[in-house]
Amino acid sequence: MIRSELLQALARENPGLRTEEIEKVVNVFFDEIAQRLAKGGRVELRGFGAFSTRARDARKGRNPRTGESVDVPGKRVPYFKPGKEMRAKLNSD
């Protein structure tokens, strides 16, 4: 599912809301998650899962075009851990 499909699904489920209102809600939702993660925090949505960040150490990489060795700096990357209910839905027969 892409963002536009999510907006369409929300519009179908909530006919009383205007498209602009739905877009604003979705934008605020994603922006708040991104801001919390940028501050090093964690976002937990019960029944769905938890978003957090993990640290990646600096390492030596390789330029695939030239084969030259390059330094890749350390960084934080987003991480998602599905909740118990999500795992149960994914693994039900």
C-alpha atoms as a PDB file:
ATOM      1  CA  MET A   1       0.000   0.000   0.000  1.00  0.00           C
ATOM      2  CA  ILE A   2       1.253   3.445  -0.862  1.00  0.00           C
ATOM      3  CA  ARG A   3       0.301   6.759   0.743  1.00  0.00           C
ATOM      4  CA  SER A   4      -2.372   7.611  -1.856  1.00  0.00           C
ATOM      5  CA  GLU A   5      -4.032   4.208  -1.356  1.00  0.00           C
ATOM      6  CA  LEU A   6      -4.073   4.812   2.391  1.00  0.00           C
ATOM      7  CA  LEU A   7      -5.710   8.203   1.850  1.00  0.00           C
ATOM      8  CA  GLN A   8      -8.331   6.646  -0.437  1.00  0.00           C
ATOM      9  CA  ALA A   9      -9.098   3.886   2.081  1.00  0.00           C
ATOM     10  CA  LEU A  10      -9.513   6.443   4.872  1.00  0.00           C
ATOM     11  CA  ALA A  11     -11.781   8.539   2.646  1.00  0.00           C
ATOM     12  CA  ARG A  12     -13.998   5.503   1.942  1.00  0.00           C
ATOM     13  CA  GLU A  13     -14.197   4.652   5.656  1.00  0.00           C
ATOM     14  CA  ASN A  14     -14.882   8.273   6.683  1.00  0.00           C
ATOM     15  CA  PRO A  15     -17.206   9.879   4.107  1.00  0.00           C
ATOM     16  CA  GLY A  16     -17.884  12.803   6.451  1.00  0.00           C
ATOM     17  CA  LEU A  17     -14.294  14.050   6.227  1.00  0.00           C
ATOM     18  CA  ARG A  18     -12.924  16.143   3.382  1.00  0.00           C
ATOM     19  CA  THR A  19      -9.860  14.941   1.485  1.00  0.00           C
ATOM     20  CA  GLU A  20      -7.788  17.833   2.842  1.00  0.00           C
ATOM     21  CA  GLU A  21      -8.666  16.873   6.423  1.00  0.00           C
ATOM     22  CA  ILE A  22      -7.667  13.254   5.849  1.00  0.00           C
ATOM     23  CA  GLU A  23      -4.366  14.327   4.276  1.00  0.00           C
ATOM     24  CA  LYS A  24      -3.651  16.612   7.236  1.00  0.00           C
ATOM     25  CA  VAL A  25      -4.314  13.800   9.741  1.00  0.00           C
ATOM     26  CA  VAL A  26      -2.034  11.392   7.874  1.00  0.00           C
ATOM     27  CA  ASN A  27       0.702  14.034   7.566  1.00  0.00           C
ATOM     28  CA  VAL A  28       0.554  14.839  11.287  1.00  0.00           C
ATOM     29  CA  PHE A  29       0.644  11.122  12.140  1.00  0.00           C
ATOM     30  CA  PHE A  30       3.757  10.417  10.057  1.00  0.00           C
ATOM     31  CA  ASP A  31       5.462  13.683  11.035  1.00  0.00           C
ATOM     32  CA  GLU A  32       5.022  12.954  14.738  1.00  0.00           C
ATOM     33  CA  ILE A  33       6.505   9.472  14.341  1.00  0.00           C
ATOM     34  CA  ALA A  34       9.468  10.870  12.373  1.00  0.00           C
ATOM     35  CA  GLN A  35      10.079  13.670  14.909  1.00  0.00           C
ATOM     36  CA  ARG A  36      10.019  11.266  17.847  1.00  0.00           C
ATOM     37  CA  LEU A  37      12.465   8.909  16.123  1.00  0.00           C
ATOM     38  CA  ALA A  38      14.739  11.834  15.178  1.00  0.00           C
ATOM     39  CA  LYS A  39      14.960  12.734  18.876  1.00  0.00           C
ATOM     40  CA  GLY A  40      16.018   9.174  19.667  1.00  0.00           C
ATOM     41  CA  GLY A  41      12.606   8.211  21.049  1.00  0.00           C
ATOM     42  CA  ARG A  42      10.345   5.238  20.473  1.00  0.00           C
ATOM     43  CA  VAL A  43       6.787   5.061  19.119  1.00  0.00           C
ATOM     44  CA  GLU A  44       4.600   2.174  20.234  1.00  0.00           C
ATOM     45  CA  LEU A  45       1.222   1.448  18.658  1.00  0.00           C
ATOM     46  CA  ARG A  46      -0.493  -1.263  20.703  1.00  0.00           C
ATOM     47  CA  GLY A  47      -1.543  -4.208  18.588  1.00  0.00           C
ATOM     48  CA  PHE A  48       0.505  -2.988  15.634  1.00  0.00           C
ATOM     49  CA  GLY A  49       4.133  -2.639  16.680  1.00  0.00           C
ATOM     50  CA  ALA A  50       6.912  -0.347  17.808  1.00  0.00           C
ATOM     51  CA  PHE A  51       9.162   1.996  15.864  1.00  0.00           C
ATOM     52  CA  SER A  52      12.619   2.801  17.179  1.00  0.00           C
ATOM     53  CA  THR A  53      16.114   3.495  15.869  1.00  0.00           C
ATOM     54  CA  ARG A  54      19.238   1.392  15.899  1.00  0.00           C
ATOM     55  CA  ALA A  55      22.822   2.591  15.689  1.00  0.00           C
ATOM     56  CA  ARG A  56      25.016   1.406  12.834  1.00  0.00           C
ATOM     57  CA  ASP A  57      28.767   1.592  13.382  1.00  0.00           C
ATOM     58  CA  ALA A  58      31.106   3.298  10.953  1.00  0.00           C
ATOM     59  CA  ARG A  59      32.601   0.876   8.455  1.00  0.00           C
ATOM     60  CA  LYS A  60      34.631   0.526   5.300  1.00  0.00           C
ATOM     61  CA  GLY A  61      32.492   0.297   2.182  1.00  0.00           C
ATOM     62  CA  ARG A  62      33.244  -0.207  -1.471  1.00  0.00           C
ATOM     63  CA  ASN A  63      32.220   1.876  -4.452  1.00  0.00           C
ATOM     64  CA  PRO A  64      30.621  -0.718  -6.764  1.00  0.00           C
ATOM     65  CA  ARG A  65      31.511   1.224  -9.907  1.00  0.00           C
ATOM     66  CA  THR A  66      35.220   1.747  -9.237  1.00  0.00           C
ATOM     67  CA  GLY A  67      35.939  -0.838  -6.533  1.00  0.00           C
ATOM     68  CA  GLU A  68      37.521   1.935  -4.466  1.00  0.00           C
ATOM     69  CA  SER A  69      37.310   1.645  -0.667  1.00  0.00           C
ATOM     70  CA  VAL A  70      35.297   4.409   1.034  1.00  0.00           C
ATOM     71  CA  ASP A  71      34.568   5.306   4.647  1.00  0.00           C
ATOM     72  CA  VAL A  72      30.895   4.981   5.581  1.00  0.00           C
ATOM     73  CA  PRO A  73      30.092   7.024   8.706  1.00  0.00           C
ATOM     74  CA  GLY A  74      28.068   5.658  11.614  1.00  0.00           C
ATOM     75  CA  LYS A  75      24.370   6.453  11.564  1.00  0.00           C
ATOM     76  CA  ARG A  76      20.984   5.713  13.100  1.00  0.00           C
ATOM     77  CA  VAL A  77      18.462   3.731  11.078  1.00  0.00           C
ATOM     78  CA  PRO A  78      14.734   3.187  11.692  1.00  0.00           C
ATOM     79  CA  TYR A  79      13.657  -0.189  13.055  1.00  0.00           C
ATOM     80  CA  PHE A  80      10.171  -1.708  13.317  1.00  0.00           C
ATOM     81  CA  LYS A  81       9.224  -4.543  15.643  1.00  0.00           C
ATOM     82  CA  PRO A  82       5.743  -5.967  14.973  1.00  0.00           C
ATOM     83  CA  GLY A  83       3.410  -6.411  17.924  1.00  0.00           C
ATOM     84  CA  LYS A  84       1.980  -9.696  19.152  1.00  0.00           C
ATOM     85  CA  GLU A  85      -1.374  -9.203  17.407  1.00  0.00           C
ATOM     86  CA  MET A  86       0.343  -8.277  14.118  1.00  0.00           C
ATOM     87  CA  ARG A  87       2.486 -11.414  14.220  1.00  0.00           C
ATOM     88  CA  ALA A  88      -0.606 -13.517  14.961  1.00  0.00           C
ATOM     89  CA  LYS A  89      -2.449 -12.042  11.931  1.00  0.00           C
ATOM     90  CA  LEU A  90       0.517 -12.638   9.661  1.00  0.00           C
ATOM     91  CA  ASN A  91       0.932 -16.253  10.756  1.00  0.00           C
ATOM     92  CA  SER A  92      -2.723 -17.351  10.899  1.00  0.00           C
ATOM     93  CA  ASP A  93      -3.831 -19.925   8.364  1.00  0.00           C
END
